Amino acid sequence: MGCDRIFSLFLWLLLSGIIIYSVLIMIMNRNQNKKMQQEAAQKGAISALQAIYVDGLGIRKNALCQLFCFEDRLLIEVDSSKFEISFDRLRAAVVKSEQELIEQSKSVVGRAIIGTLLLPGLGTIVGGMSGIGTKKKKGKRNYYLILNYLDSKGDLKGITFKEDLNILRMNKFCQEINDSSNRLHPEIVQL
């Protein structure tokens, strides 16, 4: 009888803790989004996103970066460095989960899709995980913002960022990049 009460109390405390933690994360995300939107507005940008750097810029790994989408360009700020990509040089802006990258790398069609993107820093992850079959990876899911662009020499380059806490925000930011880029340079299909 006493063990049942203790177990029930433990479950109630655990559930309460999970709910409180979830609410705190949502509040922190909302506050971060408001702060980033205010900073974007001050800079004259359409929107902004904070993400963790993975690869492609030659800066320290896991650096917290601020990305700003303007009408004609993308600005990346990290520490005291600034990187800019004009939308006439942008070739792709996509959000992919690690699981999507792994599954696509296993199929011929998926490899063709991935082959059209440069994925700096993700080749090791996909290569290392490709032998797991159809088993799902346990643990935290990783989501990546992948940017492909032409550098000043005309070579195709890629930059990868990771943002696991605010996937909806990252998808919205990516869509805003693509919308702005498409407004400037509508795609012409050659037949």
Protein backbone atom coordinates (compact mmCIF):
# COMPACT_ATOMS: atom_id res chain seq x y z
CA MET A 1 0.00 0.00 0.00
CA GLY A 2 2.75 2.47 0.98
CA CYS A 3 4.88 1.55 -2.06
CA ASP A 4 1.97 2.31 -4.40
CA ARG A 5 1.60 5.77 -2.87
CA ILE A 6 5.32 6.49 -3.14
CA PHE A 7 5.36 5.26 -6.74
CA SER A 8 2.31 7.41 -7.60
CA LEU A 9 3.93 10.43 -5.95
CA PHE A 10 7.15 9.78 -7.86
CA LEU A 11 5.29 9.56 -11.18
CA TRP A 12 3.36 12.73 -10.40
CA LEU A 13 6.59 14.61 -9.56
CA LEU A 14 8.29 13.27 -12.68
CA LEU A 15 5.38 14.29 -14.91
CA SER A 16 5.21 17.72 -13.25
CA GLY A 17 8.93 18.19 -13.79
CA ILE A 18 8.64 17.29 -17.48
CA ILE A 19 5.74 19.71 -17.95
CA ILE A 20 7.58 22.54 -16.16
CA TYR A 21 10.73 21.89 -18.20
CA SER A 22 8.72 21.91 -21.45
CA VAL A 23 7.00 25.18 -20.54
CA LEU A 24 10.34 26.79 -19.65
CA ILE A 25 11.85 25.70 -22.99
CA MET A 26 8.86 27.16 -24.87
CA ILE A 27 9.16 30.46 -22.96
CA MET A 28 12.91 30.63 -23.63
CA ASN A 29 12.35 29.93 -27.35
CA ARG A 30 9.66 32.61 -27.55
CA ASN A 31 11.90 35.15 -25.79
CA GLN A 32 14.84 34.26 -28.04
CA ASN A 33 12.63 34.62 -31.13
CA LYS A 34 11.42 38.05 -29.99
CA LYS A 35 14.98 39.19 -29.27
CA MET A 36 16.20 37.96 -32.67
CA GLN A 37 13.29 39.64 -34.48
CA GLN A 38 14.03 42.93 -32.69
CA GLU A 39 17.69 42.68 -33.66
CA ALA A 40 16.68 41.85 -37.25
CA ALA A 41 14.41 44.89 -37.36
CA GLN A 42 17.21 47.13 -36.04
CA LYS A 43 19.50 45.91 -38.83
CA GLY A 44 16.78 46.22 -41.48
CA ALA A 45 16.60 42.45 -41.98
CA ILE A 46 13.46 40.45 -42.77
CA SER A 47 14.20 37.83 -40.13
CA ALA A 48 16.92 36.27 -38.01
CA LEU A 49 17.96 32.93 -36.57
CA GLN A 50 20.51 31.70 -34.04
CA ALA A 51 22.16 28.41 -34.92
CA ILE A 52 25.24 26.38 -34.09
CA TYR A 53 27.98 26.29 -36.72
CA VAL A 54 28.89 22.84 -38.06
CA ASP A 55 31.19 23.37 -41.06
CA GLY A 56 31.96 25.43 -44.17
CA LEU A 57 33.30 28.77 -42.90
CA GLY A 58 36.61 27.82 -41.31
CA ILE A 59 35.64 29.11 -37.85
CA ARG A 60 35.57 27.22 -34.54
CA LYS A 61 33.15 24.30 -34.39
CA ASN A 62 29.93 24.72 -32.40
CA ALA A 63 30.16 28.53 -32.47
CA LEU A 64 26.82 30.22 -31.89
CA CYS A 65 26.01 32.21 -35.04
CA GLN A 66 23.39 34.79 -35.83
CA LEU A 67 21.96 34.64 -39.34
CA PHE A 68 20.06 37.59 -40.83
CA CYS A 69 17.95 37.41 -43.98
CA PHE A 70 17.76 40.69 -45.92
CA GLU A 71 15.93 41.40 -49.17
CA ASP A 72 19.07 40.76 -51.23
CA ARG A 73 21.53 38.85 -49.05
CA LEU A 74 22.19 36.64 -46.06
CA LEU A 75 24.46 37.90 -43.26
CA ILE A 76 26.16 35.49 -40.84
CA GLU A 77 27.68 36.95 -37.67
CA VAL A 78 29.85 35.00 -35.27
CA ASP A 79 31.97 36.63 -32.60
CA SER A 80 33.51 39.62 -34.40
CA SER A 81 33.40 38.06 -37.88
CA LYS A 82 30.78 38.71 -40.54
CA PHE A 83 30.11 36.66 -43.67
CA GLU A 84 27.73 37.72 -46.42
CA ILE A 85 26.15 35.77 -49.28
CA SER A 86 24.25 37.73 -51.90
CA PHE A 87 21.18 35.94 -53.19
CA ASP A 88 22.45 36.00 -56.76
CA ARG A 89 25.16 33.55 -55.58
CA LEU A 90 22.89 31.42 -53.37
CA ARG A 91 22.11 28.03 -54.93
CA ALA A 92 20.26 26.19 -52.15
CA ALA A 93 18.88 26.74 -48.66
CA VAL A 94 17.34 23.61 -47.13
CA VAL A 95 16.54 22.15 -43.74
CA LYS A 96 17.15 18.43 -43.30
CA SER A 97 17.05 16.12 -40.32
CA GLU A 98 19.94 13.78 -39.72
CA GLN A 99 17.55 10.87 -40.22
CA GLU A 100 16.48 12.23 -43.65
CA LEU A 101 20.11 12.52 -44.71
CA ILE A 102 20.84 8.98 -43.59
CA GLU A 103 17.78 7.52 -45.32
CA GLN A 104 18.43 9.46 -48.54
CA SER A 105 22.05 8.33 -48.60
CA LYS A 106 20.87 4.69 -48.65
CA SER A 107 18.78 4.93 -51.83
CA VAL A 108 19.94 5.66 -55.38
CA VAL A 109 17.36 8.45 -55.75
CA GLY A 110 18.25 9.82 -52.33
CA ARG A 111 21.95 9.86 -53.16
CA ALA A 112 21.13 11.78 -56.33
CA ILE A 113 19.19 14.33 -54.27
CA ILE A 114 21.99 14.63 -51.73
CA GLY A 115 24.49 14.74 -54.59
CA THR A 116 23.00 18.05 -55.72
CA LEU A 117 23.81 19.58 -52.31
CA LEU A 118 27.17 20.20 -50.72
CA LEU A 119 26.92 19.01 -47.13
CA PRO A 120 29.99 20.26 -45.26
CA GLY A 121 30.55 18.33 -42.05
CA LEU A 122 27.70 15.89 -42.63
CA GLY A 123 29.50 13.33 -44.77
CA THR A 124 31.04 11.76 -41.70
CA ILE A 125 27.65 11.53 -39.96
CA VAL A 126 25.87 10.04 -42.97
CA GLY A 127 28.78 7.74 -43.79
CA GLY A 128 29.12 6.55 -40.22
CA MET A 129 25.41 5.98 -39.78
CA SER A 130 24.62 4.47 -43.19
CA GLY A 131 25.30 0.93 -41.99
CA ILE A 132 22.59 0.93 -39.34
CA GLY A 133 19.93 -0.48 -41.66
CA THR A 134 16.38 0.61 -40.93
CA LYS A 135 16.91 0.94 -37.18
CA LYS A 136 16.04 4.34 -35.79
CA LYS A 137 18.80 6.27 -34.13
CA LYS A 138 18.09 6.75 -30.44
CA GLY A 139 18.62 10.01 -28.63
CA LYS A 140 18.42 13.62 -29.67
CA ARG A 141 17.37 14.35 -33.26
CA ASN A 142 19.61 16.73 -35.16
CA TYR A 143 18.33 19.24 -37.71
CA TYR A 144 20.56 21.11 -40.13
CA LEU A 145 20.30 24.28 -42.19
CA ILE A 146 22.37 23.73 -45.32
CA LEU A 147 23.37 26.69 -47.51
CA ASN A 148 25.02 26.23 -50.90
CA TYR A 149 26.46 29.21 -52.76
CA LEU A 150 29.00 30.20 -55.37
CA ASP A 151 32.10 31.78 -53.84
CA SER A 152 33.97 34.75 -55.34
CA LYS A 153 35.87 32.35 -57.66
CA GLY A 154 32.65 30.72 -58.92
CA ASP A 155 33.19 27.45 -57.01
CA LEU A 156 30.22 25.77 -55.31
CA LYS A 157 30.62 25.88 -51.52
CA GLY A 158 28.44 24.89 -48.60
CA ILE A 159 27.83 25.96 -45.01
CA THR A 160 26.03 23.85 -42.43
CA PHE A 161 24.35 24.96 -39.20
CA LYS A 162 22.52 22.96 -36.54
CA GLU A 163 19.45 24.06 -34.57
CA ASP A 164 17.64 21.39 -32.56
CA LEU A 165 15.46 23.43 -30.22
CA ASN A 166 13.47 25.55 -32.64
CA ILE A 167 12.90 23.54 -35.81
CA LEU A 168 9.78 25.49 -36.82
CA ARG A 169 11.74 28.74 -36.63
CA MET A 170 14.57 27.28 -38.70
CA ASN A 171 12.11 26.07 -41.38
CA LYS A 172 10.46 29.50 -41.48
CA PHE A 173 13.83 31.23 -41.76
CA CYS A 174 14.87 28.91 -44.61
CA GLN A 175 11.58 29.63 -46.40
CA GLU A 176 12.16 33.38 -46.04
CA ILE A 177 15.65 33.00 -47.54
CA ASN A 178 14.23 31.07 -50.49
CA ASP A 179 11.33 33.50 -50.97
CA SER A 180 13.66 36.51 -50.96
CA SER A 181 16.09 34.80 -53.32
CA ASN A 182 13.30 33.77 -55.70
CA ARG A 183 11.85 37.31 -55.76
CA LEU A 184 15.22 38.64 -56.89
CA HIS A 185 15.97 35.81 -59.29
CA PRO A 186 12.93 33.88 -60.43
CA GLU A 187 13.95 30.49 -61.75
CA ILE A 188 13.77 30.15 -65.51
CA VAL A 189 13.28 26.63 -66.77
CA GLN A 190 15.15 25.91 -69.99
CA LEU A 191 13.42 23.29 -72.16
